[in-house]
Amino acid sequence: MSARGTLWQRYQLAMPVLLDQALYIYTLGLSIRDLQESLYVLFGHMLSREAINRVTRAAQSPMEQWRTRRITDTPPILIVDGVWGHVLAPTGATWTDQSGHERREMRGQEQVILTVMGVWEDGRHQIMHYQAAAAEDSAGWSDVLAALIGRGLDASAVRMVVSDGSTGLPSALAQKLPTAQQQRCVVHKIRGLERAFCYRDLTTTDPVTHEPLTHEAARRLRRQQLSSDAHAIFEAPTRAEAVERLAQFRATWGTLEGEVVRLLRKDIDACLTFYQFDHTLHALIRSTNLLERFFREFRTKSDEIGAFPNELSSLVVFHLIVIRDDAKHDRGRTAKTG
């Protein structure tokens, strides 16, 4: 065994926590060379690339174990969405650095991590699966759903799938989860109305202070009123009341914002699917917000990194956030039952 191999084993035995921390440094976006230099500062020895690769490969095993673990409790609700990031990939070209070493040319490319969260009727929710894909298309979502079913997900037990309206999802659901109904994210639905605002016959005075409004302030007031009235529809305690509020929305805004009313009413049934579940779940399952909050953490890390050195690095960072999120829920459950 080489001296460096012996050195590496000694560090593994003596300082496993420190090496784990070095691994986390890598997952935050450092290259193999950067990690070599960081560990040199810590250990006083330059570890080989093979030794460093052992550290990075160590991240893959627990992540793959997590992503392939058996599903024994199928949730009735799935929330699905994808988060995009930049990953470096070789272009096929090479260049020579100042030391005369030939290097591969790398270029950032867009990659999406397709993610599935499960929600149970008692309010529990947890990330169940994620994997990298080139696009949010039918093939990508079919692969994700097939992986879940292969791990034990009972397709017949899934009653509803919440999404932001991804065009590739319906055909994947028809193939893999044919009995599940779709719930269109109401937040995305309302945001999509903004492109249709025409601002006809704007209010010229503030309804509270009765002070004159500037044109921009009047437009802002119109946006607030439309958004508030639209959200109120989906915050109704029952489906029947939601339909009544939709009719009132049409009566109030039909003349002033006819296109907004048309877009809101289009495919509205897909936005009301969540009413089949208990009202205590409505705030959790009428939108993809549960996933969006999780994605914000990943985007923050992604922005700090700029471009992940490879696909594995992006997935490991995502996995660490998943594990941290699970730990938060575990602490919360412990606090409630303690």
Protein backbone atom coordinates (compact mmCIF):
# COMPACT_ATOMS: atom_id res chain seq x y z
CA MET A 1 0.00 0.00 0.00
CA SER A 2 1.33 3.46 -0.84
CA ALA A 3 2.37 5.96 1.82
CA ARG A 4 -0.46 8.24 0.76
CA GLY A 5 -2.94 5.37 0.95
CA THR A 6 -1.76 4.65 4.50
CA LEU A 7 -1.98 8.35 5.31
CA TRP A 8 -5.55 8.49 4.01
CA GLN A 9 -6.61 5.50 6.13
CA ARG A 10 -5.04 7.09 9.21
CA TYR A 11 -7.01 10.29 8.64
CA GLN A 12 -10.21 8.29 8.10
CA LEU A 13 -9.76 6.53 11.44
CA ALA A 14 -8.63 9.57 13.42
CA MET A 15 -10.77 12.37 12.01
CA PRO A 16 -13.93 11.01 10.37
CA VAL A 17 -15.97 14.08 11.36
CA LEU A 18 -13.41 16.41 9.82
CA LEU A 19 -13.42 14.40 6.61
CA ASP A 20 -17.21 14.52 6.56
CA GLN A 21 -16.99 18.29 6.86
CA ALA A 22 -14.54 18.32 3.97
CA LEU A 23 -17.12 16.39 1.98
CA TYR A 24 -19.73 19.04 2.75
CA ILE A 25 -17.26 21.69 1.56
CA TYR A 26 -17.08 19.83 -1.74
CA THR A 27 -20.84 19.63 -2.08
CA LEU A 28 -20.99 23.40 -1.76
CA GLY A 29 -19.31 23.67 -5.11
CA LEU A 30 -15.55 23.29 -4.79
CA SER A 31 -13.70 21.46 -7.54
CA ILE A 32 -11.53 18.42 -6.88
CA ARG A 33 -8.43 20.66 -7.08
CA ASP A 34 -9.95 23.17 -4.63
CA LEU A 35 -10.70 20.37 -2.19
CA GLN A 36 -7.12 19.06 -2.46
CA GLU A 37 -5.80 22.48 -1.50
CA SER A 38 -8.29 22.82 1.37
CA LEU A 39 -7.29 19.46 2.84
CA TYR A 40 -3.60 20.34 2.42
CA VAL A 41 -4.16 23.29 4.76
CA LEU A 42 -5.86 20.97 7.26
CA PHE A 43 -3.51 17.97 7.06
CA GLY A 44 -0.21 19.40 5.83
CA HIS A 45 -0.10 16.81 3.03
CA MET A 46 -1.35 16.94 -0.54
CA LEU A 47 -3.73 14.01 -0.94
CA SER A 48 -3.97 12.34 -4.32
CA ARG A 49 -6.92 12.86 -6.65
CA GLU A 50 -7.87 9.25 -6.01
CA ALA A 51 -7.99 9.91 -2.27
CA ILE A 52 -10.12 12.99 -2.87
CA ASN A 53 -12.38 11.00 -5.17
CA ARG A 54 -12.97 8.58 -2.30
CA VAL A 55 -14.39 11.50 -0.32
CA THR A 56 -16.68 12.62 -3.12
CA ARG A 57 -17.81 9.08 -3.92
CA ALA A 58 -18.65 8.60 -0.24
CA ALA A 59 -21.48 11.09 -0.71
CA GLN A 60 -23.10 9.04 -3.43
CA SER A 61 -23.74 5.86 -1.44
CA PRO A 62 -25.97 7.29 1.35
CA MET A 63 -27.78 9.43 -1.20
CA GLU A 64 -28.54 6.46 -3.45
CA GLN A 65 -29.61 4.40 -0.43
CA TRP A 66 -32.07 7.16 0.47
CA ARG A 67 -33.38 7.45 -3.09
CA THR A 68 -33.91 3.70 -3.46
CA ARG A 69 -35.28 2.87 0.00
CA ARG A 70 -38.55 0.94 0.05
CA ILE A 71 -41.82 2.91 0.22
CA THR A 72 -44.19 1.22 2.66
CA ASP A 73 -46.66 4.06 3.28
CA THR A 74 -48.10 5.57 0.09
CA PRO A 75 -49.45 9.10 0.60
CA PRO A 76 -52.79 9.97 -1.04
CA ILE A 77 -51.41 13.28 -2.31
CA LEU A 78 -48.26 14.02 -4.30
CA ILE A 79 -46.91 17.52 -4.94
CA VAL A 80 -44.55 17.62 -7.93
CA ASP A 81 -42.32 20.32 -9.37
CA GLY A 82 -38.81 20.90 -10.69
CA VAL A 83 -36.01 23.27 -9.67
CA TRP A 84 -33.42 24.44 -12.21
CA GLY A 85 -29.70 25.01 -11.76
CA HIS A 86 -26.41 25.28 -13.67
CA VAL A 87 -24.11 22.26 -13.95
CA LEU A 88 -20.71 22.23 -15.65
CA ALA A 89 -20.35 19.72 -18.47
CA PRO A 90 -17.41 19.01 -20.82
CA THR A 91 -17.73 20.53 -24.29
CA GLY A 92 -15.27 18.07 -25.86
CA ALA A 93 -12.62 20.76 -26.37
CA THR A 94 -9.42 21.13 -24.33
CA TRP A 95 -7.08 23.96 -23.34
CA THR A 96 -3.58 24.25 -21.89
CA ASP A 97 -3.00 26.02 -18.58
CA GLN A 98 0.07 28.06 -17.57
CA SER A 99 1.81 24.93 -16.28
CA GLY A 100 1.42 23.21 -19.60
CA HIS A 101 -1.29 20.80 -18.42
CA GLU A 102 -4.10 19.98 -20.80
CA ARG A 103 -7.52 20.75 -19.33
CA ARG A 104 -11.01 19.90 -20.49
CA GLU A 105 -13.17 22.85 -21.44
CA MET A 106 -16.31 23.00 -19.28
CA ARG A 107 -19.47 24.95 -19.91
CA GLY A 108 -22.51 25.51 -17.70
CA GLN A 109 -25.79 24.02 -18.84
CA GLU A 110 -29.31 24.09 -17.42
CA GLN A 111 -30.47 21.03 -15.51
CA VAL A 112 -33.69 20.43 -13.60
CA ILE A 113 -34.14 18.30 -10.51
CA LEU A 114 -37.62 16.78 -10.69
CA THR A 115 -39.00 16.38 -7.17
CA VAL A 116 -41.94 14.60 -5.56
CA MET A 117 -43.30 15.40 -2.10
CA GLY A 118 -45.86 13.20 -0.37
CA VAL A 119 -48.65 14.58 1.83
CA TRP A 120 -50.61 12.34 4.18
CA GLU A 121 -54.10 12.97 5.52
CA ASP A 122 -52.77 13.71 9.01
CA GLY A 123 -50.79 16.65 7.58
CA ARG A 124 -47.38 14.98 7.41
CA HIS A 125 -45.36 15.88 4.35
CA GLN A 126 -41.95 14.73 3.14
CA ILE A 127 -39.78 14.68 0.03
CA MET A 128 -40.09 11.17 -1.42
CA HIS A 129 -37.93 11.24 -4.52
CA TYR A 130 -35.84 13.46 -6.77
CA GLN A 131 -33.68 12.97 -9.83
CA ALA A 132 -31.92 15.06 -12.45
CA ALA A 133 -33.42 15.52 -15.90
CA ALA A 134 -32.84 17.59 -19.01
CA ALA A 135 -36.40 18.97 -19.05
CA GLU A 136 -39.78 18.86 -17.31
CA ASP A 137 -41.20 16.75 -20.10
CA SER A 138 -43.29 13.59 -20.26
CA ALA A 139 -40.24 11.32 -20.42
CA GLY A 140 -38.67 12.93 -17.36
CA TRP A 141 -41.81 12.70 -15.25
CA SER A 142 -42.50 9.15 -16.42
CA ASP A 143 -39.03 8.12 -15.22
CA VAL A 144 -39.64 9.75 -11.83
CA LEU A 145 -43.02 8.08 -11.34
CA ALA A 146 -41.67 4.73 -12.54
CA ALA A 147 -38.88 4.99 -9.96
CA LEU A 148 -41.42 5.63 -7.19
CA ILE A 149 -43.60 2.70 -8.26
CA GLY A 150 -40.51 0.51 -8.48
CA ARG A 151 -39.73 1.41 -4.86
CA GLY A 152 -43.19 0.32 -3.71
CA LEU A 153 -45.49 3.28 -4.26
CA ASP A 154 -49.08 2.01 -4.63
CA ALA A 155 -50.30 3.79 -7.76
CA SER A 156 -53.94 3.05 -6.93
CA ALA A 157 -53.63 4.75 -3.52
CA VAL A 158 -52.57 8.12 -4.97
CA ARG A 159 -55.74 10.19 -5.24
CA MET A 160 -54.37 13.59 -6.26
CA VAL A 161 -51.25 15.14 -7.81
CA VAL A 162 -50.58 18.85 -7.34
CA SER A 163 -48.53 20.63 -10.02
CA ASP A 164 -47.88 24.04 -11.56
CA GLY A 165 -49.30 23.07 -14.95
CA SER A 166 -46.23 21.37 -16.46
CA THR A 167 -47.21 20.33 -20.00
CA GLY A 168 -45.29 17.06 -19.80
CA LEU A 169 -46.97 15.82 -16.64
CA PRO A 170 -50.51 14.81 -17.79
CA SER A 171 -49.36 12.12 -20.20
CA ALA A 172 -46.95 10.74 -17.59
CA LEU A 173 -49.76 10.58 -15.04
CA ALA A 174 -52.06 8.87 -17.55
CA GLN A 175 -49.47 6.14 -17.94
CA LYS A 176 -48.21 5.72 -14.37
CA LEU A 177 -50.99 7.03 -12.07
CA PRO A 178 -54.15 6.72 -14.17
CA THR A 179 -56.60 6.98 -11.25
CA ALA A 180 -55.07 10.11 -9.70
CA GLN A 181 -56.77 13.47 -10.26
CA GLN A 182 -54.79 16.61 -10.98
CA GLN A 183 -54.81 19.72 -8.83
CA ARG A 184 -53.53 22.84 -10.59
CA CYS A 185 -51.50 25.10 -8.30
CA VAL A 186 -53.81 28.03 -7.54
CA VAL A 187 -50.88 30.38 -6.86
CA HIS A 188 -49.48 29.81 -10.36
CA LYS A 189 -53.00 30.12 -11.76
CA ILE A 190 -53.48 33.56 -10.18
CA ARG A 191 -50.00 34.75 -11.16
CA GLY A 192 -50.81 33.81 -14.75
CA LEU A 193 -53.71 36.26 -14.76
CA GLU A 194 -51.39 39.25 -14.61
CA ARG A 195 -50.58 39.10 -18.31
CA ALA A 196 -54.26 39.76 -19.08
CA PHE A 197 -54.79 42.88 -16.94
CA CYS A 198 -56.14 45.74 -19.08
CA TYR A 199 -56.74 48.31 -16.31
CA ARG A 200 -59.98 49.57 -17.80
CA ASP A 201 -61.76 52.42 -15.93
CA LEU A 202 -59.31 52.62 -13.04
CA THR A 203 -60.40 54.04 -9.68
CA THR A 204 -59.11 57.58 -9.34
CA THR A 205 -59.40 57.96 -5.54
CA ASP A 206 -58.20 55.83 -2.66
CA PRO A 207 -61.20 53.85 -1.30
CA VAL A 208 -60.00 54.37 2.30
CA THR A 209 -58.52 57.88 2.43
CA HIS A 210 -60.47 59.25 -0.56
CA GLU A 211 -57.25 60.95 -1.68
CA PRO A 212 -56.53 61.20 -5.43
CA LEU A 213 -54.47 58.33 -6.88
CA THR A 214 -51.70 58.58 -9.43
CA HIS A 215 -52.08 56.39 -12.49
CA GLU A 216 -49.47 53.93 -11.22
CA ALA A 217 -51.06 53.80 -7.76
CA ALA A 218 -54.44 53.12 -9.39
CA ARG A 219 -52.93 50.25 -11.41
CA ARG A 220 -51.34 48.85 -8.26
CA LEU A 221 -54.68 49.03 -6.44
CA ARG A 222 -56.39 47.16 -9.31
CA ARG A 223 -53.74 44.39 -9.14
CA GLN A 224 -54.18 44.06 -5.38
CA GLN A 225 -57.97 43.91 -5.66
CA LEU A 226 -57.92 41.28 -8.40
CA SER A 227 -55.35 39.15 -6.58
CA SER A 228 -57.21 39.38 -3.28
CA ASP A 229 -60.57 38.48 -4.84
CA ALA A 230 -59.05 35.58 -6.79
CA HIS A 231 -57.28 34.13 -3.73
CA ALA A 232 -60.53 34.42 -1.76
CA ILE A 233 -62.16 31.95 -4.17
CA PHE A 234 -59.75 29.16 -3.25
CA GLU A 235 -59.74 30.05 0.44
CA ALA A 236 -63.46 29.26 0.67
CA PRO A 237 -64.14 26.47 3.19
CA THR A 238 -66.18 24.39 0.70
CA ARG A 239 -66.27 23.81 -3.02
CA ALA A 240 -69.83 25.14 -3.25
CA GLU A 241 -68.79 28.42 -1.64
CA ALA A 242 -65.75 28.63 -3.92
CA VAL A 243 -68.07 28.36 -6.93
CA GLU A 244 -70.24 31.13 -5.47
CA ARG A 245 -67.19 33.36 -5.00
CA LEU A 246 -66.15 32.65 -8.58
CA ALA A 247 -69.57 33.83 -9.76
CA GLN A 248 -69.18 37.00 -7.67
CA PHE A 249 -65.71 37.55 -9.16
CA ARG A 250 -67.24 37.33 -12.63
CA ALA A 251 -70.01 39.77 -11.72
CA THR A 252 -67.53 42.26 -10.22
CA TRP A 253 -64.81 42.13 -12.87
CA GLY A 254 -66.49 40.79 -16.01
CA THR A 255 -66.88 44.23 -17.61
CA LEU A 256 -63.64 45.81 -16.38
CA GLU A 257 -61.30 42.80 -16.75
CA GLY A 258 -63.08 40.38 -19.06
CA GLU A 259 -59.94 38.52 -20.17
CA VAL A 260 -58.87 37.99 -16.57
CA VAL A 261 -62.26 36.45 -15.79
CA ARG A 262 -62.03 34.20 -18.87
CA LEU A 263 -58.56 32.92 -17.94
CA LEU A 264 -59.55 32.31 -14.33
CA ARG A 265 -62.63 30.30 -15.32
CA LYS A 266 -60.70 28.27 -17.91
CA ASP A 267 -60.10 24.73 -16.59
CA ILE A 268 -61.24 25.93 -13.15
CA ASP A 269 -62.29 22.42 -12.08
CA ALA A 270 -58.63 21.39 -12.04
CA CYS A 271 -58.05 24.11 -9.43
CA LEU A 272 -60.82 22.83 -7.15
CA THR A 273 -59.81 19.17 -6.87
CA PHE A 274 -58.37 19.71 -3.39
CA TYR A 275 -61.85 20.10 -1.91
CA GLN A 276 -62.22 16.31 -1.79
CA PHE A 277 -59.90 16.37 1.23
CA ASP A 278 -60.49 17.66 4.75
CA HIS A 279 -60.38 21.44 5.15
CA THR A 280 -57.38 21.16 7.50
CA LEU A 281 -55.28 20.13 4.48
CA HIS A 282 -56.47 22.77 2.02
CA ALA A 283 -53.73 25.33 2.68
CA LEU A 284 -51.08 22.62 2.16
CA ILE A 285 -52.41 20.98 -1.01
CA ARG A 286 -54.01 23.67 -3.19
CA SER A 287 -50.62 24.89 -4.40
CA THR A 288 -47.01 23.77 -4.80
CA ASN A 289 -45.88 26.21 -2.08
CA LEU A 290 -44.60 23.41 0.18
CA LEU A 291 -42.07 22.50 -2.51
CA GLU A 292 -41.38 26.10 -3.46
CA ARG A 293 -40.23 26.90 0.07
CA PHE A 294 -37.87 23.93 -0.09
CA PHE A 295 -36.60 24.99 -3.53
CA ARG A 296 -35.74 28.46 -2.25
CA GLU A 297 -33.08 26.93 0.00
CA PHE A 298 -31.59 25.03 -2.91
CA ARG A 299 -31.64 28.12 -5.16
CA THR A 300 -29.80 30.10 -2.48
CA LYS A 301 -27.02 27.50 -2.44
CA SER A 302 -27.06 27.26 -6.22
CA ASP A 303 -26.67 31.03 -6.56
CA GLU A 304 -23.71 30.98 -4.16
CA ILE A 305 -22.01 28.26 -6.20
CA GLY A 306 -22.81 29.68 -9.64
CA ALA A 307 -22.42 26.38 -11.47
CA PHE A 308 -22.09 22.96 -9.87
CA PRO A 309 -18.89 21.13 -10.89
CA ASN A 310 -20.94 18.11 -11.95
CA GLU A 311 -24.38 16.53 -11.68
CA LEU A 312 -23.42 14.50 -8.61
CA SER A 313 -22.48 17.67 -6.74
CA SER A 314 -25.87 19.28 -7.45
CA LEU A 315 -27.72 16.16 -6.33
CA VAL A 316 -25.67 15.80 -3.14
CA VAL A 317 -26.32 19.42 -2.17
CA PHE A 318 -30.01 18.84 -2.84
CA HIS A 319 -29.87 15.67 -0.74
CA LEU A 320 -28.26 17.46 2.20
CA ILE A 321 -31.09 20.00 2.16
CA VAL A 322 -33.61 17.14 2.08
CA ILE A 323 -31.97 15.52 5.10
CA ARG A 324 -31.90 18.82 6.96
CA ASP A 325 -35.59 19.35 6.17
CA ASP A 326 -36.40 15.86 7.47
CA ALA A 327 -34.51 16.67 10.67
CA LYS A 328 -36.58 19.84 11.13
CA HIS A 329 -39.80 17.84 10.87
CA ASP A 330 -38.47 15.22 13.27
CA ARG A 331 -37.66 17.94 15.83
CA GLY A 332 -41.11 19.41 15.37
CA ARG A 333 -42.83 16.06 15.87
CA THR A 334 -40.68 15.34 18.93
CA ALA A 335 -41.53 18.73 20.44
CA LYS A 336 -45.27 18.11 19.95
CA THR A 337 -45.20 14.63 21.47
CA GLY A 338 -42.63 15.29 24.15
